[in-house]
Amino acid sequence: MILKTTFDDIFKDKFLANFYQNISSSTILVTLVYAFLLSLFVFFIYKLTCKNIIYSKKFNISMSLMSIITAAIVLSMQANITVSLGMVGALSIVRFRTAIKEPRDLLFLFWSISNGIVIGAGIYSIALILAIILSIAMLFYELIPENKATYLLAIYFKNVKTRDIEIILKSYKVKYKLKSQNLSNKESSYIYELKVKKNKDFVNEILKIKGVNEVNLMSQDGEVTY
């Protein structure tokens, strides 16, 4: 009886050969320890460079520990084809409802997951080089000087002309743009978008204008087009 080997048989053999039948305990331990060390590095880099108004330690811990979890998932996917296909199906239905508002937080989250994938695949050198280059890149971009800070100036008044306000803004070399005006018989208001440096003495000068009741200067966190 002659047995014929088809292309499908060769493909199946080659495909299944890429999956380890057994992964030693030492390999698992080394991989997870390496992922833990990289997660510590990500944790401290995020803590040192965080500029959010409120620093969330819980978010930092959860984000950095994703490296260990992802590395364990990649290891299990290499060990068994059934687990691999099951993971693909299970992870495809997972939905995270927590919104990531800061793009920088998304960068660290993706970095942590990438560390787990690379380390779980056993390519430790890529994870180490990535950590070094990414840290240097973040430091380099932090050293680039920022443009003038953008603020919102809200002025509440009665019987005040915009010319009186804008004369003061021009004298302090403040770039401004009138964004909103609300006029009424009792109290009116103007809202300006400003680009200023450190000197904010113009606020006191505007407050001295006869008819101005209140002046609020607020920092703007949204995107600004320069």
Foldseek 3Di string as FASTA:
>chain_A
DDDDDDPVNVVVVVVCVQAAQDDDPVLLVVLLVLLLVLLVLLLVLCVVPPPDPDDDSVLSNVLSCLLNVLLVLLLVVRNDVVSVVVVVVVVVPDDDPDDDPDVVSVVSSVLNNVNNNCSSVVNSVVNVVCSVVVSVVVVVVVPPDDFFFKKKKKWKFAPDDVVVLVVLCVVQPKDKDWDDWADDNPIIMTIIIIGDHPDDCSQVVVCPDPGTDDMDIGGDPDDDDD
